[in-house]
Amino acid sequence: MSDRVAMLRGDTVYRVHWMPGADLLVGVCHCGAERDSEDPVRLWDWLLAHPAGHEPPAAGSSPEVDRAPVGARG
């Protein structure tokens, strides 16, 4: 279990971390799934859509990254 997930308690706890020095946010769901994004709205949409798309990353894999250009986002 990652340090980000270890601090979570409850079944509706979500965290958004800012990566210093970058325009990148990391969303962490209570289930352990993580996703990177530059768009806070898309990140919160993803978090609140639980469980859709929330698969905790396999051991040794990196979290899903959402870095679509601004014009390409829905």
PDB file of N, CA and C in Angstrom:
ATOM      1  N   MET A   1       0.855  -1.178   0.000  1.00  0.00           N
ATOM      2  CA  MET A   1       0.000   0.000   0.000  1.00  0.00           C
ATOM      3  C   MET A   1       0.899   1.238   0.000  1.00  0.00           C
ATOM      4  N   SER A   2       0.615   2.185  -0.863  1.00  0.00           N
ATOM      5  CA  SER A   2       1.450   3.381  -0.943  1.00  0.00           C
ATOM      6  C   SER A   2       1.190   4.297   0.253  1.00  0.00           C
ATOM      7  N   ASP A   3       2.133   5.202   0.503  1.00  0.00           N
ATOM      8  CA  ASP A   3       1.967   6.168   1.596  1.00  0.00           C
ATOM      9  C   ASP A   3       0.735   7.037   1.374  1.00  0.00           C
ATOM     10  N   ARG A   4       0.416   7.315   0.113  1.00  0.00           N
ATOM     11  CA  ARG A   4      -0.750   8.160  -0.179  1.00  0.00           C
ATOM     12  C   ARG A   4      -2.041   7.490   0.240  1.00  0.00           C
ATOM     13  N   VAL A   5      -2.125   6.174   0.055  1.00  0.00           N
ATOM     14  CA  VAL A   5      -3.342   5.445   0.393  1.00  0.00           C
ATOM     15  C   VAL A   5      -3.388   5.137   1.876  1.00  0.00           C
ATOM     16  N   ALA A   6      -2.239   4.911   2.497  1.00  0.00           N
ATOM     17  CA  ALA A   6      -2.193   4.532   3.904  1.00  0.00           C
ATOM     18  C   ALA A   6      -2.844   5.574   4.803  1.00  0.00           C
ATOM     19  N   MET A   7      -2.789   6.854   4.430  1.00  0.00           N
ATOM     20  CA  MET A   7      -3.366   7.892   5.281  1.00  0.00           C
ATOM     21  C   MET A   7      -4.875   8.031   5.091  1.00  0.00           C
ATOM     22  N   LEU A   8      -5.449   7.365   4.104  1.00  0.00           N
ATOM     23  CA  LEU A   8      -6.878   7.495   3.838  1.00  0.00           C
ATOM     24  C   LEU A   8      -7.689   6.641   4.803  1.00  0.00           C
ATOM     25  N   ARG A   9      -8.791   7.175   5.252  1.00  0.00           N
ATOM     26  CA  ARG A   9      -9.705   6.446   6.124  1.00  0.00           C
ATOM     27  C   ARG A   9     -11.123   6.631   5.599  1.00  0.00           C
ATOM     28  N   GLY A  10     -11.907   5.566   5.608  1.00  0.00           N
ATOM     29  CA  GLY A  10     -13.294   5.656   5.186  1.00  0.00           C
ATOM     30  C   GLY A  10     -13.462   5.299   3.725  1.00  0.00           C
ATOM     31  N   ASP A  11     -14.717   5.133   3.302  1.00  0.00           N
ATOM     32  CA  ASP A  11     -14.976   4.700   1.926  1.00  0.00           C
ATOM     33  C   ASP A  11     -15.367   5.843   1.006  1.00  0.00           C
ATOM     34  N   THR A  12     -15.260   7.075   1.465  1.00  0.00           N
ATOM     35  CA  THR A  12     -15.537   8.221   0.592  1.00  0.00           C
ATOM     36  C   THR A  12     -14.496   9.318   0.778  1.00  0.00           C
ATOM     37  N   VAL A  13     -13.255   8.911   1.025  1.00  0.00           N
ATOM     38  CA  VAL A  13     -12.172   9.868   1.222  1.00  0.00           C
ATOM     39  C   VAL A  13     -11.373   9.970  -0.065  1.00  0.00           C
ATOM     40  N   TYR A  14     -11.187  11.188  -0.539  1.00  0.00           N
ATOM     41  CA  TYR A  14     -10.424  11.444  -1.754  1.00  0.00           C
ATOM     42  C   TYR A  14      -9.342  12.467  -1.435  1.00  0.00           C
ATOM     43  N   ARG A  15      -8.212  12.368  -2.108  1.00  0.00           N
ATOM     44  CA  ARG A  15      -7.126  13.320  -1.910  1.00  0.00           C
ATOM     45  C   ARG A  15      -6.651  13.809  -3.268  1.00  0.00           C
ATOM     46  N   VAL A  16      -6.274  15.071  -3.321  1.00  0.00           N
ATOM     47  CA  VAL A  16      -5.637  15.629  -4.512  1.00  0.00           C
ATOM     48  C   VAL A  16      -4.337  16.257  -4.040  1.00  0.00           C
ATOM     49  N   HIS A  17      -3.241  15.787  -4.608  1.00  0.00           N
ATOM     50  CA  HIS A  17      -1.916  16.292  -4.259  1.00  0.00           C
ATOM     51  C   HIS A  17      -1.380  17.094  -5.431  1.00  0.00           C
ATOM     52  N   TRP A  18      -0.741  18.193  -5.124  1.00  0.00           N
ATOM     53  CA  TRP A  18      -0.080  19.002  -6.144  1.00  0.00           C
ATOM     54  C   TRP A  18       1.378  18.583  -6.188  1.00  0.00           C
ATOM     55  N   MET A  19       1.910  18.389  -7.393  1.00  0.00           N
ATOM     56  CA  MET A  19       3.314  18.041  -7.571  1.00  0.00           C
ATOM     57  C   MET A  19       4.104  19.340  -7.677  1.00  0.00           C
ATOM     58  N   PRO A  20       4.869  19.708  -6.641  1.00  0.00           N
ATOM     59  CA  PRO A  20       5.629  20.963  -6.659  1.00  0.00           C
ATOM     60  C   PRO A  20       6.536  21.059  -7.884  1.00  0.00           C
ATOM     61  N   GLY A  21       6.564  22.252  -8.463  1.00  0.00           N
ATOM     62  CA  GLY A  21       7.400  22.489  -9.632  1.00  0.00           C
ATOM     63  C   GLY A  21       6.766  22.066 -10.939  1.00  0.00           C
ATOM     64  N   ALA A  22       5.515  21.619 -10.907  1.00  0.00           N
ATOM     65  CA  ALA A  22       4.829  21.167 -12.125  1.00  0.00           C
ATOM     66  C   ALA A  22       3.359  21.574 -12.041  1.00  0.00           C
ATOM     67  N   ASP A  23       2.706  21.564 -13.176  1.00  0.00           N
ATOM     68  CA  ASP A  23       1.265  21.812 -13.222  1.00  0.00           C
ATOM     69  C   ASP A  23       0.526  20.486 -13.168  1.00  0.00           C
ATOM     70  N   LEU A  24       0.965  19.607 -12.311  1.00  0.00           N
ATOM     71  CA  LEU A  24       0.421  18.260 -12.264  1.00  0.00           C
ATOM     72  C   LEU A  24      -0.208  17.998 -10.907  1.00  0.00           C
ATOM     73  N   LEU A  25      -1.424  17.453 -10.931  1.00  0.00           N
ATOM     74  CA  LEU A  25      -2.138  17.055  -9.721  1.00  0.00           C
ATOM     75  C   LEU A  25      -2.239  15.539  -9.710  1.00  0.00           C
ATOM     76  N   VAL A  26      -2.223  14.954  -8.533  1.00  0.00           N
ATOM     77  CA  VAL A  26      -2.383  13.510  -8.387  1.00  0.00           C
ATOM     78  C   VAL A  26      -3.621  13.282  -7.541  1.00  0.00           C
ATOM     79  N   GLY A  27      -4.615  12.614  -8.123  1.00  0.00           N
ATOM     80  CA  GLY A  27      -5.828  12.262  -7.388  1.00  0.00           C
ATOM     81  C   GLY A  27      -5.672  10.868  -6.829  1.00  0.00           C
ATOM     82  N   VAL A  28      -6.038  10.688  -5.555  1.00  0.00           N
ATOM     83  CA  VAL A  28      -5.934   9.385  -4.898  1.00  0.00           C
ATOM     84  C   VAL A  28      -7.302   9.034  -4.335  1.00  0.00           C
ATOM     85  N   CYS A  29      -7.837   7.937  -4.792  1.00  0.00           N
ATOM     86  CA  CYS A  29      -9.143   7.465  -4.347  1.00  0.00           C
ATOM     87  C   CYS A  29      -8.984   6.600  -3.106  1.00  0.00           C
ATOM     88  N   HIS A  30     -10.047   6.456  -2.334  1.00  0.00           N
ATOM     89  CA  HIS A  30     -10.019   5.615  -1.141  1.00  0.00           C
ATOM     90  C   HIS A  30      -9.726   4.161  -1.464  1.00  0.00           C
ATOM     91  N   CYS A  31      -9.966   3.738  -2.712  1.00  0.00           N
ATOM     92  CA  CYS A  31      -9.721   2.349  -3.090  1.00  0.00           C
ATOM     93  C   CYS A  31      -8.259   2.104  -3.457  1.00  0.00           C
ATOM     94  N   GLY A  32      -7.472   3.174  -3.529  1.00  0.00           N
ATOM     95  CA  GLY A  32      -6.058   3.029  -3.851  1.00  0.00           C
ATOM     96  C   GLY A  32      -5.710   3.419  -5.269  1.00  0.00           C
ATOM     97  N   ALA A  33      -6.708   3.638  -6.117  1.00  0.00           N
ATOM     98  CA  ALA A  33      -6.440   4.046  -7.492  1.00  0.00           C
ATOM     99  C   ALA A  33      -5.899   5.470  -7.504  1.00  0.00           C
ATOM    100  N   GLU A  34      -4.956   5.725  -8.407  1.00  0.00           N
ATOM    101  CA  GLU A  34      -4.373   7.053  -8.549  1.00  0.00           C
ATOM    102  C   GLU A  34      -4.442   7.478 -10.007  1.00  0.00           C
ATOM    103  N   ARG A  35      -4.506   8.784 -10.215  1.00  0.00           N
ATOM    104  CA  ARG A  35      -4.517   9.324 -11.571  1.00  0.00           C
ATOM    105  C   ARG A  35      -3.879  10.705 -11.539  1.00  0.00           C
ATOM    106  N   ASP A  36      -3.025  10.977 -12.521  1.00  0.00           N
ATOM    107  CA  ASP A  36      -2.386  12.288 -12.663  1.00  0.00           C
ATOM    108  C   ASP A  36      -3.149  13.099 -13.697  1.00  0.00           C
ATOM    109  N   SER A  37      -3.242  14.401 -13.479  1.00  0.00           N
ATOM    110  CA  SER A  37      -3.899  15.265 -14.446  1.00  0.00           C
ATOM    111  C   SER A  37      -3.457  16.702 -14.232  1.00  0.00           C
ATOM    112  N   GLU A  38      -3.461  17.471 -15.293  1.00  0.00           N
ATOM    113  CA  GLU A  38      -3.217  18.904 -15.187  1.00  0.00           C
ATOM    114  C   GLU A  38      -4.527  19.660 -15.009  1.00  0.00           C
ATOM    115  N   ASP A  39      -5.655  18.997 -15.194  1.00  0.00           N
ATOM    116  CA  ASP A  39      -6.971  19.619 -15.129  1.00  0.00           C
ATOM    117  C   ASP A  39      -7.697  19.184 -13.846  1.00  0.00           C
ATOM    118  N   PRO A  40      -7.864  20.088 -12.878  1.00  0.00           N
ATOM    119  CA  PRO A  40      -8.510  19.697 -11.624  1.00  0.00           C
ATOM    120  C   PRO A  40      -9.961  19.245 -11.785  1.00  0.00           C
ATOM    121  N   VAL A  41     -10.668  19.806 -12.734  1.00  0.00           N
ATOM    122  CA  VAL A  41     -12.068  19.414 -12.941  1.00  0.00           C
ATOM    123  C   VAL A  41     -12.145  17.975 -13.428  1.00  0.00           C
ATOM    124  N   ARG A  42     -11.324  17.618 -14.401  1.00  0.00           N
ATOM    125  CA  ARG A  42     -11.307  16.228 -14.894  1.00  0.00           C
ATOM    126  C   ARG A  42     -10.875  15.272 -13.790  1.00  0.00           C
ATOM    127  N   LEU A  43      -9.956  15.689 -12.949  1.00  0.00           N
ATOM    128  CA  LEU A  43      -9.494  14.837 -11.862  1.00  0.00           C
ATOM    129  C   LEU A  43     -10.616  14.583 -10.861  1.00  0.00           C
ATOM    130  N   TRP A  44     -11.342  15.640 -10.470  1.00  0.00           N
ATOM    131  CA  TRP A  44     -12.453  15.459  -9.538  1.00  0.00           C
ATOM    132  C   TRP A  44     -13.593  14.671 -10.174  1.00  0.00           C
ATOM    133  N   ASP A  45     -13.851  14.887 -11.466  1.00  0.00           N
ATOM    134  CA  ASP A  45     -14.869  14.080 -12.154  1.00  0.00           C
ATOM    135  C   ASP A  45     -14.514  12.600 -12.073  1.00  0.00           C
ATOM    136  N   TRP A  46     -13.239  12.287 -12.292  1.00  0.00           N
ATOM    137  CA  TRP A  46     -12.781  10.900 -12.234  1.00  0.00           C
ATOM    138  C   TRP A  46     -12.934  10.347 -10.812  1.00  0.00           C
ATOM    139  N   LEU A  47     -12.513  11.112  -9.810  1.00  0.00           N
ATOM    140  CA  LEU A  47     -12.624  10.652  -8.424  1.00  0.00           C
ATOM    141  C   LEU A  47     -14.079  10.394  -8.028  1.00  0.00           C
ATOM    142  N   LEU A  48     -14.966  11.318  -8.380  1.00  0.00           N
ATOM    143  CA  LEU A  48     -16.358  11.203  -7.958  1.00  0.00           C
ATOM    144  C   LEU A  48     -17.158  10.198  -8.778  1.00  0.00           C
ATOM    145  N   ALA A  49     -16.598   9.693  -9.860  1.00  0.00           N
ATOM    146  CA  ALA A  49     -17.276   8.692 -10.691  1.00  0.00           C
ATOM    147  C   ALA A  49     -17.028   7.281 -10.169  1.00  0.00           C
ATOM    148  N   HIS A  50     -16.487   7.161  -8.991  1.00  0.00           N
ATOM    149  CA  HIS A  50     -16.150   5.850  -8.428  1.00  0.00           C
ATOM    150  C   HIS A  50     -17.344   4.925  -8.471  1.00  0.00           C
ATOM    151  N   PRO A  51     -17.220   3.706  -8.880  1.00  0.00           N
ATOM    152  CA  PRO A  51     -16.008   2.947  -9.167  1.00  0.00           C
ATOM    153  C   PRO A  51     -15.599   2.941 -10.639  1.00  0.00           C
ATOM    154  N   ALA A  52     -16.276   3.699 -11.498  1.00  0.00           N
ATOM    155  CA  ALA A  52     -15.963   3.670 -12.937  1.00  0.00           C
ATOM    156  C   ALA A  52     -14.512   4.082 -13.193  1.00  0.00           C
ATOM    157  N   GLY A  53     -13.742   3.179 -13.774  1.00  0.00           N
ATOM    158  CA  GLY A  53     -12.357   3.474 -14.115  1.00  0.00           C
ATOM    159  C   GLY A  53     -11.404   3.389 -12.944  1.00  0.00           C
ATOM    160  N   HIS A  54     -11.864   2.951 -11.800  1.00  0.00           N
ATOM    161  CA  HIS A  54     -11.015   2.906 -10.611  1.00  0.00           C
ATOM    162  C   HIS A  54     -10.486   1.500 -10.402  1.00  0.00           C
ATOM    163  N   GLU A  55      -9.376   1.243 -10.974  1.00  0.00           N
ATOM    164  CA  GLU A  55      -8.680  -0.018 -10.776  1.00  0.00           C
ATOM    165  C   GLU A  55      -7.361   0.329 -10.103  1.00  0.00           C
ATOM    166  N   PRO A  56      -7.123  -0.117  -8.875  1.00  0.00           N
ATOM    167  CA  PRO A  56      -5.835   0.177  -8.257  1.00  0.00           C
ATOM    168  C   PRO A  56      -4.710  -0.313  -9.169  1.00  0.00           C
ATOM    169  N   PRO A  57      -3.612   0.460  -9.283  1.00  0.00           N
ATOM    170  CA  PRO A  57      -2.533   0.059 -10.175  1.00  0.00           C
ATOM    171  C   PRO A  57      -1.920  -1.262  -9.747  1.00  0.00           C
ATOM    172  N   ALA A  58      -1.546  -2.065 -10.739  1.00  0.00           N
ATOM    173  CA  ALA A  58      -0.878  -3.334 -10.461  1.00  0.00           C
ATOM    174  C   ALA A  58       0.482  -3.048  -9.837  1.00  0.00           C
ATOM    175  N   ALA A  59       0.952  -3.962  -9.040  1.00  0.00           N
ATOM    176  CA  ALA A  59       2.247  -3.774  -8.382  1.00  0.00           C
ATOM    177  C   ALA A  59       3.330  -3.514  -9.423  1.00  0.00           C
ATOM    178  N   GLY A  60       4.093  -2.475  -9.212  1.00  0.00           N
ATOM    179  CA  GLY A  60       5.189  -2.149 -10.123  1.00  0.00           C
ATOM    180  C   GLY A  60       4.797  -1.301 -11.311  1.00  0.00           C
ATOM    181  N   SER A  61       3.510  -0.975 -11.469  1.00  0.00           N
ATOM    182  CA  SER A  61       3.096  -0.140 -12.598  1.00  0.00           C
ATOM    183  C   SER A  61       2.913   1.294 -12.145  1.00  0.00           C
ATOM    184  N   SER A  62       2.921   2.206 -13.101  1.00  0.00           N
ATOM    185  CA  SER A  62       2.739   3.614 -12.763  1.00  0.00           C
ATOM    186  C   SER A  62       1.262   3.964 -12.878  1.00  0.00           C
ATOM    187  N   PRO A  63       0.795   4.999 -12.135  1.00  0.00           N
ATOM    188  CA  PRO A  63      -0.613   5.386 -12.205  1.00  0.00           C
ATOM    189  C   PRO A  63      -0.988   5.930 -13.579  1.00  0.00           C
ATOM    190  N   GLU A  64      -2.263   5.902 -13.876  1.00  0.00           N
ATOM    191  CA  GLU A  64      -2.778   6.429 -15.141  1.00  0.00           C
ATOM    192  C   GLU A  64      -2.538   7.931 -15.197  1.00  0.00           C
ATOM    193  N   VAL A  65      -2.186   8.428 -16.364  1.00  0.00           N
ATOM    194  CA  VAL A  65      -1.888   9.850 -16.522  1.00  0.00           C
ATOM    195  C   VAL A  65      -2.857  10.451 -17.533  1.00  0.00           C
ATOM    196  N   ASP A  66      -3.436  11.601 -17.181  1.00  0.00           N
ATOM    197  CA  ASP A  66      -4.361  12.323 -18.057  1.00  0.00           C
ATOM    198  C   ASP A  66      -3.706  13.644 -18.425  1.00  0.00           C
ATOM    199  N   ARG A  67      -3.040  13.669 -19.571  1.00  0.00           N
ATOM    200  CA  ARG A  67      -2.351  14.889 -19.997  1.00  0.00           C
ATOM    201  C   ARG A  67      -2.793  15.308 -21.388  1.00  0.00           C
ATOM    202  N   ALA A  68      -4.063  15.127 -21.679  1.00  0.00           N
ATOM    203  CA  ALA A  68      -4.590  15.538 -22.980  1.00  0.00           C
ATOM    204  C   ALA A  68      -4.503  17.053 -23.106  1.00  0.00           C
ATOM    205  N   PRO A  69      -4.227  17.569 -24.293  1.00  0.00           N
ATOM    206  CA  PRO A  69      -4.207  19.029 -24.483  1.00  0.00           C
ATOM    207  C   PRO A  69      -5.556  19.622 -24.099  1.00  0.00           C
ATOM    208  N   VAL A  70      -5.539  20.847 -23.614  1.00  0.00           N
ATOM    209  CA  VAL A  70      -6.752  21.503 -23.129  1.00  0.00           C
ATOM    210  C   VAL A  70      -7.873  21.452 -24.157  1.00  0.00           C
ATOM    211  N   GLY A  71      -7.591  21.712 -25.426  1.00  0.00           N
ATOM    212  CA  GLY A  71      -8.623  21.707 -26.468  1.00  0.00           C
ATOM    213  C   GLY A  71      -9.209  20.339 -26.726  1.00  0.00           C
ATOM    214  N   ALA A  72      -8.496  19.269 -26.339  1.00  0.00           N
ATOM    215  CA  ALA A  72      -8.965  17.916 -26.599  1.00  0.00           C
ATOM    216  C   ALA A  72      -9.803  17.361 -25.469  1.00  0.00           C
ATOM    217  N   ARG A  73      -9.902  18.082 -24.380  1.00  0.00           N
ATOM    218  CA  ARG A  73     -10.659  17.584 -23.230  1.00  0.00           C
ATOM    219  C   ARG A  73     -12.145  17.828 -23.415  1.00  0.00           C
ATOM    220  N   GLY A  74     -12.925  16.871 -22.908  1.00  0.00           N
ATOM    221  CA  GLY A  74     -14.366  16.917 -23.088  1.00  0.00           C
ATOM    222  C   GLY A  74     -15.094  17.745 -22.152  1.00  0.00           C
TER     223      GLY A  74
END
